[in-house]
Amino acid sequence: MTQLKDSYERKMDYLRISVTDRCNFRCQYCMPEDIKFQDKSHILTLEEMLTFAEACLLLGVNKVRVTGGEPLVRRGVVKFVGWLKDLGFDEVTMTSNGYLLEENLSGLVEAGLDRINISLDTLQPEKFQFITRRNHFEKVWRSLMAALETPLSPVKINAVAMRGVNDDEIAEMAKLTLKYPMHVRFIELMPLNGDTDGSRFRKLFISGREILDRAQEELGDLKPVEKDDPAAPADEYKFDGAPGTFGVITPVSEPFCARCSRLRLTADGKIHPCLLTDLDVPVKDAIRSEDPIPAIHKVLWETARIKPAAGLTLPEESRNRTMSQIGG
């Protein structure tokens, strides 16, 4: 088996599959309130996504994350997780907003899901409603607590940091790691076609370094945690005696492009090799061809060849896709 690598000798061994562009939230940094979703006729079937995943597995991709939009709004996604595990991936994970998680937990565990990441930007219900434009904090919190009682514990929490919105909760979010087996990570805000682009982005942005400094100032020493995976984007730390970890993901202030190992399959059948560019490589025709695996491999190698060394700029113009359409 030949390991898929790009032109910069970076292994591409981590696939993110966006099973849908639809979501039951409208988070400000992710999508506009009036977003127009793709017609369902343009979306790959789960069987087609599985064929793509199998082709990636044969080229050394050994980790896969199921994303959206919100993946749990896609009918059949729990079964899809089981299919991915049966293919033989070392790790199958999911990122969810948590709204539909509690009722799907037992199914996901039975399907073999290895880990769940829950997006949660605040611990205050009113602020949650402001950020997500939905009044669902209590349901998400119940899902989070329920997940901690399953083999999916410890749970990862993803919080997008926004100055003047939730940066006053940095210490409170960090304190969760002192009480629960949670890995809380603040992610720097990225300019990706929500309602937080342009000049508003610059007002809202807060760096990972400032986040760490503020957590340490209030809660004491943070000790670095050694990475299990050198390509992992989070820099993680631990407070003395804490069952969880606290970290930051810094795509803007300290980009980690040099260790990027990711591929993204969008729900409408395109490979997105770099989160922060508009580069898309169509793969739907290859997936639907008579002999799909070799056809997909040809597209994957072409994608690897054109994957950029780095992608982050702070654009004055909107990008073609929102975060919800890429899958994060």
Protein backbone atom coordinates (compact mmCIF):
# COMPACT_ATOMS: atom_id res chain seq x y z
CA MET A 1 0.00 0.00 0.00
CA THR A 2 1.33 3.41 -0.99
CA GLN A 3 0.78 6.12 1.61
CA LEU A 4 -0.97 9.17 0.21
CA LYS A 5 1.34 12.19 0.57
CA ASP A 6 1.21 15.70 -0.79
CA SER A 7 3.92 17.63 -2.63
CA TYR A 8 5.44 18.69 0.71
CA GLU A 9 5.78 15.09 1.97
CA ARG A 10 2.95 15.54 4.47
CA LYS A 11 1.09 12.28 5.06
CA MET A 12 -2.61 12.60 4.31
CA ASP A 13 -4.03 10.08 6.75
CA TYR A 14 -7.06 11.84 8.26
CA LEU A 15 -10.38 12.12 6.41
CA ARG A 16 -13.29 14.31 7.44
CA ILE A 17 -16.60 13.43 5.77
CA SER A 18 -19.30 16.08 5.76
CA VAL A 19 -22.43 13.92 5.52
CA THR A 20 -24.73 16.95 5.17
CA ASP A 21 -24.58 20.72 4.81
CA ARG A 22 -27.77 21.03 6.88
CA CYS A 23 -27.89 21.97 10.54
CA ASN A 24 -30.49 22.59 13.23
CA PHE A 25 -28.47 25.55 14.61
CA ARG A 26 -27.42 28.79 12.90
CA CYS A 27 -24.20 29.65 14.73
CA GLN A 28 -23.04 33.15 13.83
CA TYR A 29 -19.45 32.17 13.03
CA CYS A 30 -20.55 29.22 10.90
CA MET A 31 -23.41 30.30 8.66
CA PRO A 32 -25.82 33.16 8.01
CA GLU A 33 -29.36 32.86 9.36
CA ASP A 34 -30.83 32.80 5.84
CA ILE A 35 -28.45 30.20 4.40
CA LYS A 36 -29.71 28.27 1.37
CA PHE A 37 -28.96 24.57 1.67
CA GLN A 38 -28.08 22.47 -1.35
CA ASP A 39 -30.82 20.54 -3.07
CA LYS A 40 -30.72 16.98 -1.76
CA SER A 41 -30.31 15.66 -5.31
CA HIS A 42 -26.76 17.11 -5.28
CA ILE A 43 -25.74 15.29 -2.10
CA LEU A 44 -23.83 12.01 -2.14
CA THR A 45 -25.53 8.94 -0.74
CA LEU A 46 -23.99 7.40 2.37
CA GLU A 47 -23.04 4.38 0.26
CA GLU A 48 -21.14 6.66 -2.11
CA MET A 49 -19.37 8.31 0.82
CA LEU A 50 -18.42 4.85 2.06
CA THR A 51 -16.90 4.00 -1.33
CA PHE A 52 -14.80 7.16 -1.12
CA ALA A 53 -13.73 6.28 2.41
CA GLU A 54 -12.71 2.79 1.30
CA ALA A 55 -10.54 4.28 -1.46
CA CYS A 56 -8.87 6.56 1.11
CA LEU A 57 -8.28 3.65 3.49
CA LEU A 58 -6.43 1.79 0.74
CA LEU A 59 -4.01 4.75 0.48
CA GLY A 60 -3.14 4.79 4.17
CA VAL A 61 -5.86 7.07 5.54
CA ASN A 62 -6.53 5.49 8.94
CA LYS A 63 -8.68 8.05 10.77
CA VAL A 64 -12.08 9.38 9.76
CA ARG A 65 -14.32 11.99 11.36
CA VAL A 66 -18.02 12.32 10.54
CA THR A 67 -19.11 15.96 10.41
CA GLY A 68 -21.83 18.17 8.90
CA GLY A 69 -23.46 20.68 9.08
CA GLU A 70 -24.83 18.66 11.95
CA PRO A 71 -24.20 14.98 11.13
CA LEU A 72 -27.01 13.63 13.30
CA VAL A 73 -29.67 15.33 11.16
CA ARG A 74 -28.69 12.97 8.32
CA ARG A 75 -30.88 9.88 8.33
CA GLY A 76 -28.81 6.71 8.57
CA VAL A 77 -25.67 8.35 9.95
CA VAL A 78 -25.46 6.00 12.96
CA LYS A 79 -25.46 3.04 10.59
CA PHE A 80 -22.83 4.85 8.51
CA VAL A 81 -20.53 5.03 11.55
CA GLY A 82 -20.81 1.24 11.82
CA TRP A 83 -19.96 0.83 8.15
CA LEU A 84 -16.82 2.92 8.59
CA LYS A 85 -15.74 0.82 11.57
CA ASP A 86 -16.36 -2.36 9.60
CA LEU A 87 -14.09 -1.08 6.81
CA GLY A 88 -11.21 -1.13 9.28
CA PHE A 89 -10.38 2.49 10.16
CA ASP A 90 -8.25 2.76 13.30
CA GLU A 91 -10.39 5.61 14.58
CA VAL A 92 -13.91 6.77 13.74
CA THR A 93 -15.02 9.96 15.48
CA MET A 94 -17.79 12.54 15.16
CA THR A 95 -18.28 16.25 15.75
CA SER A 96 -21.81 17.26 16.80
CA ASN A 97 -23.61 20.25 18.24
CA GLY A 98 -25.13 17.82 20.75
CA TYR A 99 -28.80 18.59 20.14
CA LEU A 100 -29.67 15.09 18.86
CA LEU A 101 -26.88 13.29 20.66
CA GLU A 102 -28.57 11.97 23.80
CA GLU A 103 -31.12 9.89 21.89
CA ASN A 104 -28.41 8.55 19.55
CA LEU A 105 -25.73 7.73 22.15
CA SER A 106 -26.48 4.04 22.55
CA GLY A 107 -26.63 3.55 18.79
CA LEU A 108 -23.34 5.35 18.24
CA VAL A 109 -21.59 3.33 20.95
CA GLU A 110 -22.98 0.10 19.50
CA ALA A 111 -21.84 1.16 16.02
CA GLY A 112 -18.30 1.51 17.38
CA LEU A 113 -17.80 5.28 17.50
CA ASP A 114 -14.47 5.94 19.22
CA ARG A 115 -14.93 9.56 20.35
CA ILE A 116 -17.34 12.46 20.21
CA ASN A 117 -16.53 16.17 19.98
CA ILE A 118 -19.32 18.52 21.07
CA SER A 119 -19.42 22.15 19.99
CA LEU A 120 -20.29 24.33 22.99
CA ASP A 121 -19.24 27.97 23.03
CA THR A 122 -20.78 29.09 26.31
CA LEU A 123 -22.19 27.85 29.62
CA GLN A 124 -24.84 30.58 29.73
CA PRO A 125 -28.23 29.72 28.17
CA GLU A 126 -28.99 33.29 27.04
CA LYS A 127 -25.61 33.63 25.39
CA PHE A 128 -26.02 30.18 23.82
CA GLN A 129 -29.24 31.42 22.21
CA PHE A 130 -27.48 34.55 20.95
CA ILE A 131 -24.58 32.61 19.38
CA THR A 132 -26.55 29.70 17.91
CA ARG A 133 -29.84 31.55 17.29
CA ARG A 134 -31.52 28.58 18.98
CA ASN A 135 -32.70 28.10 22.58
CA HIS A 136 -31.28 24.59 23.14
CA PHE A 137 -28.61 24.91 25.83
CA GLU A 138 -30.25 22.58 28.35
CA LYS A 139 -30.72 19.78 25.80
CA VAL A 140 -27.10 20.04 24.67
CA TRP A 141 -25.87 20.02 28.29
CA ARG A 142 -27.91 16.88 29.02
CA SER A 143 -26.35 15.21 26.00
CA LEU A 144 -22.89 16.16 27.21
CA MET A 145 -23.51 14.77 30.68
CA ALA A 146 -24.99 11.58 29.21
CA ALA A 147 -21.98 11.10 26.94
CA LEU A 148 -19.69 11.19 29.98
CA GLU A 149 -21.49 8.07 31.25
CA THR A 150 -20.68 6.06 28.11
CA PRO A 151 -17.47 4.61 26.61
CA LEU A 152 -17.21 7.87 24.62
CA SER A 153 -15.87 9.56 27.78
CA PRO A 154 -13.68 11.61 27.95
CA VAL A 155 -15.54 14.05 25.71
CA LYS A 156 -13.92 16.84 23.72
CA ILE A 157 -15.53 20.29 23.85
CA ASN A 158 -14.93 22.73 21.01
CA ALA A 159 -15.54 26.41 21.82
CA VAL A 160 -14.99 29.19 19.28
CA ALA A 161 -13.49 32.17 21.10
CA MET A 162 -15.02 35.59 20.42
CA ARG A 163 -13.92 38.77 22.18
CA GLY A 164 -16.80 40.52 23.88
CA VAL A 165 -19.03 37.49 23.40
CA ASN A 166 -17.68 34.52 25.37
CA ASP A 167 -14.12 35.48 26.34
CA ASP A 168 -15.41 36.32 29.83
CA GLU A 169 -16.05 32.56 30.24
CA ILE A 170 -12.53 31.32 29.51
CA ALA A 171 -11.86 30.47 33.16
CA GLU A 172 -15.32 28.97 33.69
CA MET A 173 -14.90 26.72 30.65
CA ALA A 174 -11.42 25.75 31.82
CA LYS A 175 -12.83 24.84 35.25
CA LEU A 176 -14.88 22.09 33.61
CA THR A 177 -11.63 20.15 33.22
CA LEU A 178 -11.12 20.25 36.99
CA LYS A 179 -14.46 18.53 37.58
CA TYR A 180 -15.11 16.33 34.55
CA PRO A 181 -13.09 14.14 32.15
CA MET A 182 -13.45 16.73 29.40
CA HIS A 183 -10.91 18.07 26.95
CA VAL A 184 -11.96 21.70 26.53
CA ARG A 185 -10.38 23.46 23.55
CA PHE A 186 -10.88 27.06 22.51
CA ILE A 187 -10.59 27.53 18.75
CA GLU A 188 -9.54 30.84 17.27
CA LEU A 189 -12.27 32.47 15.21
CA MET A 190 -11.76 31.98 11.47
CA PRO A 191 -13.15 34.15 8.65
CA LEU A 192 -15.42 31.62 6.95
CA ASN A 193 -18.65 33.22 5.77
CA GLY A 194 -20.71 33.30 8.91
CA ASP A 195 -21.76 36.68 10.26
CA THR A 196 -18.27 37.27 11.65
CA ASP A 197 -16.26 38.25 8.55
CA GLY A 198 -14.36 41.39 7.60
CA SER A 199 -14.14 44.18 10.16
CA ARG A 200 -16.33 42.27 12.63
CA PHE A 201 -13.85 39.39 12.53
CA ARG A 202 -11.04 41.71 13.57
CA LYS A 203 -13.06 43.04 16.51
CA LEU A 204 -14.04 39.56 17.69
CA PHE A 205 -10.72 37.78 17.24
CA ILE A 206 -8.81 36.69 20.34
CA SER A 207 -5.57 34.71 20.10
CA GLY A 208 -4.84 31.34 21.62
CA ARG A 209 -1.94 32.82 23.57
CA GLU A 210 -4.22 35.37 25.25
CA ILE A 211 -6.73 32.61 26.06
CA LEU A 212 -4.05 30.50 27.76
CA ASP A 213 -2.67 33.49 29.65
CA ARG A 214 -6.10 34.39 30.98
CA ALA A 215 -6.88 30.83 32.07
CA GLN A 216 -3.54 30.51 33.81
CA GLU A 217 -3.87 33.90 35.50
CA GLU A 218 -7.12 32.84 37.17
CA LEU A 219 -6.60 29.11 37.74
CA GLY A 220 -2.87 28.65 38.21
CA ASP A 221 -0.16 26.70 36.42
CA LEU A 222 -0.93 24.88 33.20
CA LYS A 223 1.39 22.01 32.36
CA PRO A 224 1.82 21.03 28.69
CA VAL A 225 0.43 17.65 27.65
CA GLU A 226 2.44 15.63 25.15
CA LYS A 227 0.58 15.01 21.90
CA ASP A 228 -0.45 11.45 21.03
CA ASP A 229 -0.55 12.54 17.39
CA PRO A 230 2.06 15.09 16.22
CA ALA A 231 -0.37 16.27 13.52
CA ALA A 232 -3.12 17.10 16.03
CA PRO A 233 -4.00 20.82 15.86
CA ALA A 234 -4.66 21.40 19.57
CA ASP A 235 -1.97 22.49 22.03
CA GLU A 236 -3.20 20.96 25.28
CA TYR A 237 -2.41 21.65 28.92
CA LYS A 238 -3.46 20.31 32.29
CA PHE A 239 -4.14 21.83 35.69
CA ASP A 240 -2.78 19.93 38.69
CA GLY A 241 -5.10 17.08 39.59
CA ALA A 242 -7.53 17.75 36.74
CA PRO A 243 -9.27 14.78 35.08
CA GLY A 244 -9.48 16.73 31.84
CA THR A 245 -7.28 18.99 29.70
CA PHE A 246 -7.53 22.57 28.48
CA GLY A 247 -6.18 23.67 25.15
CA VAL A 248 -6.22 26.02 22.19
CA ILE A 249 -6.35 25.56 18.43
CA THR A 250 -4.62 28.45 16.68
CA PRO A 251 -5.19 28.40 12.89
CA VAL A 252 -4.88 32.20 12.67
CA SER A 253 -2.15 33.30 15.11
CA GLU A 254 0.03 30.18 14.91
CA PRO A 255 -1.01 28.18 11.83
CA PHE A 256 -0.23 24.46 11.87
CA CYS A 257 -0.24 23.98 8.09
CA ALA A 258 3.21 22.34 8.16
CA ARG A 259 1.77 19.34 10.00
CA CYS A 260 -1.63 19.20 8.29
CA SER A 261 -2.70 15.65 7.46
CA ARG A 262 -6.33 16.29 6.55
CA LEU A 263 -8.60 15.69 3.61
CA ARG A 264 -12.24 16.78 3.55
CA LEU A 265 -15.06 15.27 1.51
CA THR A 266 -17.96 17.67 1.15
CA ALA A 267 -21.52 16.41 1.11
CA ASP A 268 -21.90 17.40 -2.55
CA GLY A 269 -18.95 15.30 -3.68
CA LYS A 270 -15.87 17.51 -3.69
CA ILE A 271 -12.52 17.04 -1.99
CA HIS A 272 -11.55 20.14 -0.01
CA PRO A 273 -7.80 19.78 0.63
CA CYS A 274 -7.35 22.95 2.71
CA LEU A 275 -9.94 24.40 5.08
CA LEU A 276 -8.91 28.00 4.50
CA THR A 277 -8.87 28.16 0.73
CA ASP A 278 -11.62 27.88 -1.86
CA LEU A 279 -9.89 24.96 -3.56
CA ASP A 280 -12.36 22.16 -4.39
CA VAL A 281 -11.63 19.04 -6.44
CA PRO A 282 -14.71 17.29 -7.88
CA VAL A 283 -14.81 13.57 -7.15
CA LYS A 284 -18.49 12.69 -7.61
CA ASP A 285 -18.02 11.39 -11.16
CA ALA A 286 -15.18 9.15 -10.02
CA ILE A 287 -17.28 7.77 -7.16
CA ARG A 288 -20.11 7.01 -9.58
CA SER A 289 -17.92 5.46 -12.28
CA GLU A 290 -17.96 1.77 -13.21
CA ASP A 291 -14.66 1.11 -11.41
CA PRO A 292 -14.73 3.72 -8.64
CA ILE A 293 -11.71 2.86 -6.46
CA PRO A 294 -9.00 3.44 -9.14
CA ALA A 295 -10.91 6.50 -10.38
CA ILE A 296 -11.05 7.96 -6.86
CA HIS A 297 -7.35 7.18 -6.35
CA LYS A 298 -6.50 9.20 -9.46
CA VAL A 299 -8.42 12.19 -8.07
CA LEU A 300 -6.84 11.76 -4.62
CA TRP A 301 -3.32 11.85 -6.04
CA GLU A 302 -4.20 14.94 -8.09
CA THR A 303 -5.59 16.55 -4.92
CA ALA A 304 -2.43 15.66 -3.01
CA ARG A 305 -0.35 17.29 -5.73
CA ILE A 306 -2.19 20.62 -5.51
CA LYS A 307 -2.75 20.76 -1.73
CA PRO A 308 -1.23 24.12 -0.78
CA ALA A 309 1.63 24.56 1.67
CA ALA A 310 -0.52 27.01 3.63
CA GLY A 311 -3.95 28.47 3.17
CA LEU A 312 -4.78 31.10 5.74
CA THR A 313 -5.32 34.68 4.72
CA LEU A 314 -7.69 37.19 6.25
CA PRO A 315 -9.90 37.96 3.26
CA GLU A 316 -11.84 41.12 2.65
CA GLU A 317 -14.15 39.14 0.36
CA SER A 318 -16.33 36.21 1.32
CA ARG A 319 -15.27 32.67 0.58
CA ASN A 320 -17.27 30.36 -1.65
CA ARG A 321 -18.32 28.04 1.18
CA THR A 322 -19.41 28.51 4.75
CA MET A 323 -17.87 26.44 7.53
CA SER A 324 -21.04 24.36 7.65
CA GLN A 325 -20.60 23.39 4.01
CA ILE A 326 -17.01 22.21 4.53
CA GLY A 327 -17.40 20.31 7.78
CA GLY A 328 -14.78 22.12 9.83
